[in-house]
Amino acid sequence: MVLHPELPTETKLQFRPWRAGSRLSDSFWHEFTISCRTRQGVWTQHCAGLVAVKYETERNPTFADEEAAAAKRHHDEYVRLSTAGFNPDDPRQVYASLAELGLQWGPTFTGLVHISSGDYEAHCELEIPDTKKYMPEAFEYPHIVHPAALDAFIQMVIPASTPAGVQLQKAKIPRFIESLYISTIRL
């Protein structure tokens, strides 16, 4: 999907219960699609996938050790990456370089405020800007995960999938995310 900076683009994000078969509608998983309409009125699908929300439940002592072990693994990886001594990158310069390759984000979606990258690894921090001020009448529905955060997660993949010290020559974004762990615990 390539957007023209001076022309509006109609974009549609659609969620619906995922059909596991021809008749069964699974309420756990939801299918999403992102589509844009051309000036000729033709809709083109650019992205599709499945999402599920896992709500926090009461702790089951049977699985407490497994959950604690998974949380510790994620925490240890965070600590390793945040103390790895990667080269710091100026987020403004990173966004400017990406814009030259055709990957452009507006002010509500440039959430990476710290980027340190190594060889196919990176440590990034994000901040969600005040997106309400861009909305009509400053109204915004509550989110389980803010769309700007999801976009920033995808942006984090770019420095994490690049060799150390190499300037990107082509735009690249992930086409598939097998697993994403989001925690409300600030590390």
Protein backbone atom coordinates (compact mmCIF):
# COMPACT_ATOMS: atom_id res chain seq x y z
CA MET A 1 0.00 0.00 0.00
CA VAL A 2 1.55 3.29 -1.08
CA LEU A 3 -0.15 6.46 0.09
CA HIS A 4 0.07 9.74 -1.77
CA PRO A 5 0.78 12.53 0.74
CA GLU A 6 -1.57 15.07 -0.88
CA LEU A 7 -4.50 12.79 -1.72
CA PRO A 8 -6.90 11.20 0.75
CA THR A 9 -7.02 7.41 0.95
CA GLU A 10 -10.05 5.57 2.25
CA THR A 11 -8.89 2.76 4.53
CA LYS A 12 -10.98 0.07 6.18
CA LEU A 13 -10.03 -2.05 9.20
CA GLN A 14 -12.51 -4.88 9.56
CA PHE A 15 -12.92 -7.40 12.41
CA ARG A 16 -15.22 -10.40 12.36
CA PRO A 17 -15.43 -13.72 14.21
CA TRP A 18 -13.16 -16.25 12.57
CA ARG A 19 -14.79 -19.19 10.86
CA ALA A 20 -12.81 -22.36 11.58
CA GLY A 21 -14.94 -24.27 9.07
CA SER A 22 -17.84 -23.67 6.77
CA ARG A 23 -20.35 -23.38 9.64
CA LEU A 24 -18.52 -22.94 12.91
CA SER A 25 -17.85 -19.39 14.05
CA ASP A 26 -15.15 -19.28 16.72
CA SER A 27 -15.72 -16.42 19.17
CA PHE A 28 -12.17 -16.68 20.60
CA TRP A 29 -10.34 -15.70 17.41
CA HIS A 30 -11.22 -12.74 15.23
CA GLU A 31 -10.10 -12.24 11.68
CA PHE A 32 -8.95 -8.78 10.66
CA THR A 33 -8.35 -7.24 7.26
CA ILE A 34 -6.91 -3.89 6.23
CA SER A 35 -8.09 -2.64 2.85
CA CYS A 36 -7.91 0.58 0.83
CA ARG A 37 -10.14 1.87 -1.92
CA THR A 38 -8.70 3.26 -5.11
CA ARG A 39 -10.00 6.42 -6.74
CA GLN A 40 -11.84 4.13 -9.16
CA GLY A 41 -13.76 2.60 -6.23
CA VAL A 42 -11.98 -0.78 -6.20
CA TRP A 43 -11.14 -2.21 -2.75
CA THR A 44 -7.75 -3.92 -2.35
CA GLN A 45 -6.91 -6.02 0.69
CA HIS A 46 -3.38 -5.30 1.98
CA CYS A 47 -3.21 -7.30 5.18
CA ALA A 48 -5.14 -10.03 6.98
CA GLY A 49 -4.68 -12.08 10.10
CA LEU A 50 -6.12 -13.44 13.31
CA VAL A 51 -6.19 -11.78 16.72
CA ALA A 52 -7.36 -12.95 20.11
CA VAL A 53 -7.62 -11.18 23.41
CA LYS A 54 -6.44 -13.10 26.42
CA TYR A 55 -7.92 -11.58 29.55
CA GLU A 56 -6.22 -12.00 32.87
CA THR A 57 -7.92 -14.75 34.82
CA GLU A 58 -7.72 -15.94 38.36
CA ARG A 59 -4.44 -17.68 38.99
CA ASN A 60 -4.64 -21.43 38.74
CA PRO A 61 -2.00 -22.95 41.03
CA THR A 62 -1.53 -25.79 38.54
CA PHE A 63 -0.14 -23.37 35.92
CA ALA A 64 1.45 -20.78 38.22
CA ASP A 65 4.96 -22.17 37.73
CA GLU A 66 4.62 -22.13 33.93
CA GLU A 67 3.33 -18.54 33.90
CA ALA A 68 6.07 -17.40 36.26
CA ALA A 69 8.72 -19.11 34.14
CA ALA A 70 7.42 -17.46 30.95
CA ALA A 71 7.32 -14.03 32.64
CA LYS A 72 10.89 -14.53 33.89
CA ARG A 73 12.11 -15.49 30.39
CA HIS A 74 10.56 -12.32 28.93
CA HIS A 75 12.01 -10.21 31.74
CA ASP A 76 15.50 -11.73 31.35
CA GLU A 77 15.44 -11.08 27.58
CA TYR A 78 14.36 -7.48 28.20
CA VAL A 79 17.21 -6.96 30.68
CA ARG A 80 19.72 -8.55 28.28
CA LEU A 81 18.65 -6.31 25.39
CA SER A 82 18.43 -3.14 27.47
CA THR A 83 21.95 -3.61 28.84
CA ALA A 84 23.61 -4.99 25.68
CA GLY A 85 25.38 -1.73 24.86
CA PHE A 86 23.88 -1.42 21.37
CA ASN A 87 24.55 1.69 19.31
CA PRO A 88 21.92 4.36 20.01
CA ASP A 89 20.02 5.67 16.99
CA ASP A 90 18.24 9.03 16.82
CA PRO A 91 14.54 8.16 16.32
CA ARG A 92 13.99 11.32 14.21
CA GLN A 93 16.80 10.26 11.89
CA VAL A 94 15.47 6.68 11.73
CA TYR A 95 12.00 7.94 10.76
CA ALA A 96 13.53 10.32 8.18
CA SER A 97 15.54 7.44 6.63
CA LEU A 98 12.46 5.25 6.52
CA ALA A 99 10.45 8.07 4.90
CA GLU A 100 13.04 8.21 2.09
CA LEU A 101 12.28 4.52 1.47
CA GLY A 102 8.52 5.18 1.37
CA LEU A 103 7.64 4.21 4.95
CA GLN A 104 6.02 7.33 6.37
CA TRP A 105 4.21 7.78 9.66
CA GLY A 106 2.32 10.82 10.92
CA PRO A 107 2.76 12.34 14.38
CA THR A 108 0.41 9.90 16.11
CA PHE A 109 2.33 6.89 14.82
CA THR A 110 5.95 7.90 15.41
CA GLY A 111 6.02 6.40 18.87
CA LEU A 112 9.57 5.05 19.10
CA VAL A 113 11.43 7.39 21.47
CA HIS A 114 14.53 5.25 22.06
CA ILE A 115 16.19 2.93 19.55
CA SER A 116 19.42 1.06 20.19
CA SER A 117 20.38 -1.50 17.58
CA GLY A 118 22.89 -4.30 17.30
CA ASP A 119 23.38 -7.13 14.85
CA TYR A 120 19.85 -8.35 14.14
CA GLU A 121 18.79 -7.24 17.63
CA ALA A 122 17.40 -4.02 19.03
CA HIS A 123 16.10 -2.43 22.19
CA CYS A 124 13.34 0.09 21.60
CA GLU A 125 11.07 2.10 23.85
CA LEU A 126 7.82 3.65 22.78
CA GLU A 127 5.50 6.38 23.95
CA ILE A 128 1.90 6.73 22.87
CA PRO A 129 1.27 10.38 21.98
CA ASP A 130 -1.90 12.24 22.88
CA THR A 131 -3.96 10.84 20.02
CA LYS A 132 -7.20 12.28 21.37
CA LYS A 133 -6.18 15.76 20.25
CA TYR A 134 -6.28 14.56 16.63
CA MET A 135 -9.75 13.04 16.96
CA PRO A 136 -13.03 14.88 16.32
CA GLU A 137 -14.14 16.53 19.55
CA ALA A 138 -11.11 14.91 21.26
CA PHE A 139 -13.09 11.67 21.64
CA GLU A 140 -11.46 8.26 21.52
CA TYR A 141 -12.81 4.87 22.48
CA PRO A 142 -10.81 2.96 25.10
CA HIS A 143 -8.42 0.34 23.74
CA ILE A 144 -7.09 -2.90 25.13
CA VAL A 145 -3.94 -2.18 23.13
CA HIS A 146 -3.74 1.21 21.44
CA PRO A 147 -3.41 1.03 17.62
CA ALA A 148 -0.38 3.36 17.79
CA ALA A 149 1.27 0.85 20.15
CA LEU A 150 0.60 -2.02 17.74
CA ASP A 151 2.08 0.02 14.91
CA ALA A 152 5.15 0.84 17.03
CA PHE A 153 5.60 -2.88 17.78
CA ILE A 154 5.76 -3.49 14.04
CA GLN A 155 8.20 -0.58 13.62
CA MET A 156 10.48 -2.20 16.24
CA VAL A 157 10.98 -5.14 13.90
CA ILE A 158 12.86 -2.94 11.40
CA PRO A 159 15.97 -2.23 13.54
CA ALA A 160 15.77 -5.71 15.06
CA SER A 161 15.98 -7.34 11.63
CA THR A 162 18.87 -5.28 10.28
CA PRO A 163 22.62 -5.97 10.57
CA ALA A 164 24.56 -3.60 12.83
CA GLY A 165 25.66 -0.38 11.13
CA VAL A 166 23.83 -1.10 7.87
CA GLN A 167 21.58 1.54 6.32
CA LEU A 168 18.40 0.05 4.84
CA GLN A 169 18.30 0.21 1.06
CA LYS A 170 14.75 -1.12 0.65
CA ALA A 171 11.61 -0.70 2.71
CA LYS A 172 10.66 -3.78 4.70
CA ILE A 173 7.85 -4.57 7.07
CA PRO A 174 6.77 -7.90 8.55
CA ARG A 175 4.07 -9.85 6.78
CA PHE A 176 3.45 -12.28 9.60
CA ILE A 177 3.75 -12.24 13.38
CA GLU A 178 3.61 -15.68 14.92
CA SER A 179 3.51 -14.57 18.54
CA LEU A 180 3.41 -11.26 20.40
CA TYR A 181 3.69 -10.97 24.18
CA ILE A 182 2.32 -7.75 25.67
CA SER A 183 2.52 -7.14 29.40
CA THR A 184 1.12 -4.31 31.46
CA ILE A 185 4.03 -4.65 33.87
CA ARG A 186 6.61 -1.88 33.40
CA LEU A 187 10.06 -3.46 33.48
